[in-house]
Amino acid sequence: MKIIDAHQHFWNLDQNYVPWLKDEPPVPFRYGDYASLKRNYLPPDYREDSGDFEVVGTVFVETEWDPKDPGGEVTWVEKLAKSEGLPSVMVAQAWLDRADAQSVLAFHGESPIVRGIRHKPRAVPKPDLVVAGAPGTMGDPNWRRGYAMLAPNGLSFDLQTPWWHLAEARHLADDFGGTQIILNHTGLPADRSKGGLDGWRGAMRLLAGAANVAVKISGIGQAGKPWSVDANRAIVRDTIEIFGAERCMFASNFPVDSLVASFGTIYSGFAEITSDLSSAERDALFFANAMRIYRIPPQALLK
């Protein structure tokens, strides 16, 4: 089965400044201790992790590189892709509510490898704390002013936010129908209680009602617990049922998700969970949707 990994990262900490991986103390992180990530992670490391799986392309997603130099990561990744054959395309960093948003987005729009940007909007820690239009959120007029510049620059938007902010994302999708949104990490269903999963499903259904939204099934590990088919089957199948197989993509989130599983565990798990689906649906989930949604040219794939 051919695979395009729709969400992965590279970094060279000897050469580049990635604050959360370089600075002390560590930042709060949903998987807990991430000290093992504080090492260089480059295409040879990824190839070793992906092993015998037929990965023919990847989508690099910004790594929270030095925010003073958002273009620096693009330049570095462009060189990496030319020398290593990976990644195929990338999602770059941009801060939509910053004064330099217009120039940064114009720069990204000119890159042959950039397909979209990610800017994590400000989020609250639980559903009952959401305030509509708060500064830095998807309802903030200043933030939305930057978001309006994505379509003119040919850029999509990777959204990473907890599920209780997906009602705001639905308004964004409706108001800017010409911009493709790709929801990261399955809407972050960390709370696996009945109430938590009911809330997550409701939010995912609301967002799925917008035709310009797709979702990456990734990042579904749990802190302190091994990744397993039993733990994640319902999350994967509910997401596919809600969005349809034509709007879902599988992704490793490597090396971050190496904190909870091996690459093989994750992708073998995806394969087992979808073993009863048609070959066309599985091809869409593992390969074709990422190729289409991220506009990956055939010549960018590994032979």
Protein backbone atom coordinates (compact mmCIF):
# COMPACT_ATOMS: atom_id res chain seq x y z
CA MET A 1 0.00 0.00 0.00
CA LYS A 2 1.42 3.37 -1.01
CA ILE A 3 1.54 5.96 1.77
CA ILE A 4 1.75 9.73 1.82
CA ASP A 5 2.34 10.64 5.44
CA ALA A 6 0.19 13.75 5.80
CA HIS A 7 1.84 15.15 8.93
CA GLN A 8 5.46 14.81 10.02
CA HIS A 9 8.40 16.95 11.14
CA PHE A 10 12.14 17.30 10.68
CA TRP A 11 14.56 19.40 12.71
CA ASN A 12 18.28 19.97 13.02
CA LEU A 13 18.90 21.38 16.48
CA ASP A 14 22.61 21.81 15.78
CA GLN A 15 21.83 24.34 13.04
CA ASN A 16 18.42 25.83 13.79
CA TYR A 17 16.54 27.38 16.70
CA VAL A 18 13.33 25.57 17.62
CA PRO A 19 12.45 27.13 21.00
CA TRP A 20 10.38 24.34 22.57
CA LEU A 21 13.12 21.82 21.78
CA LYS A 22 16.06 24.05 22.73
CA ASP A 23 14.96 26.18 25.67
CA GLU A 24 14.54 25.33 29.33
CA PRO A 25 12.30 24.74 31.16
CA PRO A 26 10.24 22.51 28.86
CA VAL A 27 6.76 23.66 27.87
CA PRO A 28 3.59 21.84 29.02
CA PHE A 29 3.01 19.03 26.54
CA ARG A 30 0.02 16.76 25.98
CA TYR A 31 2.14 13.60 25.98
CA GLY A 32 4.10 14.61 29.07
CA ASP A 33 7.89 14.33 29.11
CA TYR A 34 9.31 14.96 25.64
CA ALA A 35 13.02 14.99 26.43
CA SER A 36 13.65 12.18 23.91
CA LEU A 37 12.61 14.52 21.08
CA LYS A 38 15.46 16.92 21.80
CA ARG A 39 17.73 15.46 19.13
CA ASN A 40 18.19 15.97 15.41
CA TYR A 41 15.49 14.26 13.36
CA LEU A 42 16.16 14.17 9.61
CA PRO A 43 15.08 12.12 6.57
CA PRO A 44 17.49 9.20 7.29
CA ASP A 45 15.96 8.92 10.78
CA TYR A 46 12.45 8.99 9.32
CA ARG A 47 13.33 6.33 6.74
CA GLU A 48 14.65 4.11 9.52
CA ASP A 49 11.47 4.61 11.55
CA SER A 50 9.14 3.99 8.60
CA GLY A 51 11.02 0.80 7.78
CA ASP A 52 9.39 -1.44 5.18
CA PHE A 53 6.28 0.71 4.71
CA GLU A 54 5.98 2.14 1.19
CA VAL A 55 6.12 5.82 2.06
CA VAL A 56 6.28 7.68 -1.26
CA GLY A 57 5.78 11.18 0.06
CA THR A 58 5.32 13.30 3.17
CA VAL A 59 3.84 16.61 4.26
CA PHE A 60 6.19 18.52 6.55
CA VAL A 61 4.35 20.65 9.10
CA GLU A 62 5.99 23.64 10.76
CA THR A 63 7.83 22.86 13.98
CA GLU A 64 7.31 26.10 15.93
CA TRP A 65 10.67 27.28 14.61
CA ASP A 66 12.00 30.65 15.77
CA PRO A 67 8.93 32.93 15.32
CA LYS A 68 11.23 35.85 14.48
CA ASP A 69 12.22 34.04 11.28
CA PRO A 70 9.23 32.21 9.75
CA GLY A 71 10.82 32.25 6.32
CA GLY A 72 13.96 30.57 7.60
CA GLU A 73 12.22 27.24 8.06
CA VAL A 74 10.87 27.36 4.50
CA THR A 75 14.34 27.99 3.07
CA TRP A 76 15.78 25.15 5.17
CA VAL A 77 13.05 22.68 4.17
CA GLU A 78 13.37 23.57 0.49
CA LYS A 79 17.06 22.64 0.63
CA LEU A 80 16.28 19.47 2.58
CA ALA A 81 13.72 18.36 0.00
CA LYS A 82 16.17 18.91 -2.85
CA SER A 83 18.96 16.96 -1.17
CA GLU A 84 16.95 14.17 0.48
CA GLY A 85 13.76 13.74 -1.57
CA LEU A 86 11.67 14.43 1.54
CA PRO A 87 9.41 16.13 2.33
CA SER A 88 7.21 16.39 -0.76
CA VAL A 89 5.51 19.63 0.30
CA MET A 90 5.23 21.63 3.52
CA VAL A 91 2.93 23.63 5.78
CA ALA A 92 4.77 26.76 6.92
CA GLN A 93 4.63 28.92 10.00
CA ALA A 94 2.74 32.21 9.99
CA TRP A 95 1.23 34.36 12.73
CA LEU A 96 -2.01 35.68 11.30
CA ASP A 97 -2.50 38.42 13.87
CA ARG A 98 1.01 39.85 13.59
CA ALA A 99 1.83 43.07 11.77
CA ASP A 100 4.02 41.21 9.27
CA ALA A 101 1.33 38.70 8.26
CA GLN A 102 0.90 40.15 4.77
CA SER A 103 4.59 39.94 3.86
CA VAL A 104 5.07 36.50 5.46
CA LEU A 105 2.09 35.03 3.62
CA ALA A 106 3.25 36.57 0.34
CA PHE A 107 6.66 34.95 0.85
CA HIS A 108 5.09 31.57 1.57
CA GLY A 109 2.82 31.88 -1.43
CA GLU A 110 5.84 32.23 -3.73
CA SER A 111 7.55 29.08 -2.44
CA PRO A 112 7.35 26.05 -4.75
CA ILE A 113 7.04 23.71 -1.78
CA VAL A 114 4.65 25.54 0.59
CA ARG A 115 0.99 24.55 0.35
CA GLY A 116 -0.44 26.16 3.44
CA ILE A 117 0.28 27.56 6.86
CA ARG A 118 -0.39 26.61 10.46
CA HIS A 119 -1.07 29.09 13.23
CA LYS A 120 -2.47 27.53 16.39
CA PRO A 121 -5.19 29.92 17.55
CA ARG A 122 -5.38 30.73 21.24
CA ALA A 123 -7.26 27.98 23.08
CA VAL A 124 -8.71 27.49 26.55
CA PRO A 125 -8.18 24.33 28.63
CA LYS A 126 -11.81 23.24 28.84
CA PRO A 127 -15.10 23.79 27.00
CA ASP A 128 -16.85 26.04 29.51
CA LEU A 129 -14.10 28.67 29.27
CA VAL A 130 -14.56 29.48 25.57
CA VAL A 131 -15.11 33.22 24.96
CA ALA A 132 -16.24 34.19 21.47
CA GLY A 133 -13.98 36.68 19.74
CA ALA A 134 -11.25 36.66 22.39
CA PRO A 135 -7.87 38.02 21.25
CA GLY A 136 -5.86 35.44 19.32
CA THR A 137 -8.83 33.17 18.66
CA MET A 138 -10.50 32.35 15.35
CA GLY A 139 -13.15 34.96 16.13
CA ASP A 140 -10.67 37.77 16.74
CA PRO A 141 -11.12 40.38 13.96
CA ASN A 142 -7.37 40.96 13.78
CA TRP A 143 -6.71 37.22 13.44
CA ARG A 144 -9.39 36.89 10.78
CA ARG A 145 -7.89 39.81 8.85
CA GLY A 146 -4.73 37.74 8.45
CA TYR A 147 -6.74 34.64 7.62
CA ALA A 148 -8.43 36.51 4.75
CA MET A 149 -5.02 36.78 3.08
CA LEU A 150 -4.59 33.00 2.72
CA ALA A 151 -6.75 32.48 -0.38
CA PRO A 152 -5.17 35.33 -2.40
CA ASN A 153 -1.78 33.71 -1.77
CA GLY A 154 -2.99 30.21 -2.72
CA LEU A 155 -2.57 28.87 0.81
CA SER A 156 -4.58 26.37 2.83
CA PHE A 157 -4.88 26.39 6.63
CA ASP A 158 -3.82 23.63 9.01
CA LEU A 159 -5.86 24.01 12.19
CA GLN A 160 -4.70 22.55 15.49
CA THR A 161 -7.09 23.24 18.34
CA PRO A 162 -9.09 21.29 20.94
CA TRP A 163 -12.50 20.11 19.80
CA TRP A 164 -14.36 22.65 21.92
CA HIS A 165 -13.13 25.37 19.58
CA LEU A 166 -14.50 23.69 16.46
CA ALA A 167 -17.70 25.76 16.49
CA GLU A 168 -15.45 28.79 15.90
CA ALA A 169 -13.73 26.84 13.13
CA ARG A 170 -17.09 26.17 11.47
CA HIS A 171 -17.79 29.91 11.36
CA LEU A 172 -14.35 30.42 9.83
CA ALA A 173 -15.00 27.73 7.20
CA ASP A 174 -18.37 29.24 6.31
CA ASP A 175 -17.08 32.81 6.12
CA PHE A 176 -14.05 31.92 3.99
CA GLY A 177 -15.33 29.16 1.77
CA GLY A 178 -12.45 29.49 -0.69
CA THR A 179 -9.85 28.44 1.90
CA GLN A 180 -9.22 24.75 2.54
CA ILE A 181 -9.02 23.89 6.25
CA ILE A 182 -7.21 20.74 7.36
CA LEU A 183 -7.97 19.82 10.97
CA ASN A 184 -4.87 18.45 12.68
CA HIS A 185 -4.70 15.47 15.00
CA THR A 186 -8.34 14.39 14.79
CA GLY A 187 -9.60 17.34 16.85
CA LEU A 188 -7.53 16.27 19.88
CA PRO A 189 -9.90 13.78 21.56
CA ALA A 190 -7.75 13.44 24.69
CA ASP A 191 -10.70 13.06 27.09
CA ARG A 192 -11.91 9.50 26.48
CA SER A 193 -14.76 9.65 29.01
CA LYS A 194 -18.27 9.23 27.63
CA GLY A 195 -18.94 12.94 28.07
CA GLY A 196 -15.65 13.89 26.46
CA LEU A 197 -16.20 11.64 23.45
CA ASP A 198 -19.81 12.78 23.04
CA GLY A 199 -18.62 16.39 22.99
CA TRP A 200 -15.85 15.57 20.52
CA ARG A 201 -18.24 13.75 18.16
CA GLY A 202 -20.73 16.61 18.23
CA ALA A 203 -18.03 19.17 17.46
CA MET A 204 -16.61 17.03 14.65
CA ARG A 205 -20.06 16.64 13.08
CA LEU A 206 -20.58 20.39 13.21
CA LEU A 207 -17.26 21.07 11.50
CA ALA A 208 -17.76 18.32 8.92
CA GLY A 209 -20.85 20.17 7.70
CA ALA A 210 -18.50 22.58 5.93
CA ALA A 211 -17.38 21.13 2.60
CA ASN A 212 -14.02 22.94 2.69
CA VAL A 213 -12.76 21.04 5.76
CA ALA A 214 -10.69 17.84 5.81
CA VAL A 215 -9.10 16.04 8.76
CA LYS A 216 -5.85 14.29 9.52
CA ILE A 217 -6.26 11.16 11.62
CA SER A 218 -3.11 11.41 13.69
CA GLY A 219 -1.91 12.46 17.12
CA ILE A 220 -4.39 10.19 18.92
CA GLY A 221 -1.98 8.79 21.48
CA GLN A 222 -2.63 9.19 25.19
CA ALA A 223 -0.09 10.31 27.78
CA GLY A 224 1.35 7.39 29.70
CA LYS A 225 -0.45 4.77 27.62
CA PRO A 226 0.75 2.72 24.64
CA TRP A 227 -0.95 3.32 21.29
CA SER A 228 -3.30 0.42 20.58
CA VAL A 229 -5.98 -0.59 18.12
CA ASP A 230 -8.45 -1.19 20.94
CA ALA A 231 -7.89 2.29 22.37
CA ASN A 232 -8.14 4.09 19.03
CA ARG A 233 -10.48 2.06 16.81
CA ALA A 234 -13.58 4.09 17.70
CA ILE A 235 -11.77 7.42 17.21
CA VAL A 236 -10.58 6.41 13.73
CA ARG A 237 -13.86 4.88 12.58
CA ASP A 238 -16.03 7.68 13.99
CA THR A 239 -13.88 10.26 12.20
CA ILE A 240 -14.19 8.41 8.90
CA GLU A 241 -17.94 8.04 9.38
CA ILE A 242 -18.35 11.74 10.18
CA PHE A 243 -16.17 13.22 7.44
CA GLY A 244 -16.32 10.43 4.86
CA ALA A 245 -13.31 8.55 3.55
CA GLU A 246 -12.80 11.22 0.87
CA ARG A 247 -11.92 13.90 3.46
CA CYS A 248 -9.69 11.96 5.88
CA MET A 249 -5.93 11.36 5.75
CA PHE A 250 -3.69 9.15 7.86
CA ALA A 251 -0.51 10.64 9.31
CA SER A 252 2.25 9.58 11.69
CA ASN A 253 3.02 12.88 13.46
CA PHE A 254 6.56 11.56 13.69
CA PRO A 255 8.79 11.97 15.54
CA VAL A 256 6.38 13.47 18.09
CA ASP A 257 4.20 10.37 18.28
CA SER A 258 7.26 8.21 18.82
CA LEU A 259 6.55 9.15 22.45
CA VAL A 260 3.55 6.80 22.38
CA ALA A 261 4.25 4.25 19.61
CA SER A 262 6.50 3.13 16.80
CA PHE A 263 5.73 4.16 13.24
CA GLY A 264 4.90 0.53 12.51
CA THR A 265 2.45 0.29 15.40
CA ILE A 266 0.57 3.36 14.21
CA TYR A 267 0.37 2.47 10.53
CA SER A 268 -0.29 -1.22 11.15
CA GLY A 269 -3.04 -0.05 13.48
CA PHE A 270 -4.58 2.14 10.80
CA ALA A 271 -4.44 -0.80 8.39
CA GLU A 272 -6.12 -3.16 10.85
CA ILE A 273 -8.83 -0.68 11.80
CA THR A 274 -9.75 -0.12 8.13
CA SER A 275 -9.28 -3.70 6.91
CA ASP A 276 -12.97 -4.05 6.04
CA LEU A 277 -13.10 -0.92 3.86
CA SER A 278 -12.85 -1.05 0.08
CA SER A 279 -9.48 -0.79 -1.64
CA ALA A 280 -10.52 2.59 -3.06
CA GLU A 281 -11.37 3.94 0.39
CA ARG A 282 -8.10 2.68 1.86
CA ASP A 283 -6.10 4.15 -1.00
CA ALA A 284 -7.82 7.49 -0.37
CA LEU A 285 -7.04 7.40 3.35
CA PHE A 286 -3.41 6.33 3.04
CA PHE A 287 -2.41 8.13 -0.16
CA ALA A 288 -4.78 9.80 -2.61
CA ASN A 289 -6.48 12.34 -0.35
CA ALA A 290 -3.16 13.78 0.83
CA MET A 291 -1.98 13.99 -2.77
CA ARG A 292 -5.12 15.88 -3.77
CA ILE A 293 -5.66 18.11 -0.75
CA TYR A 294 -2.01 19.14 -0.46
CA ARG A 295 -1.63 19.43 -4.24
CA ILE A 296 1.42 17.19 -4.42
CA PRO A 297 2.76 16.89 -7.97
CA PRO A 298 3.63 13.36 -9.12
CA GLN A 299 7.25 14.37 -9.69
CA ALA A 300 7.58 15.20 -5.97
CA LEU A 301 6.93 11.58 -4.94
CA LEU A 302 9.67 9.08 -4.26
CA LYS A 303 10.18 6.54 -7.02
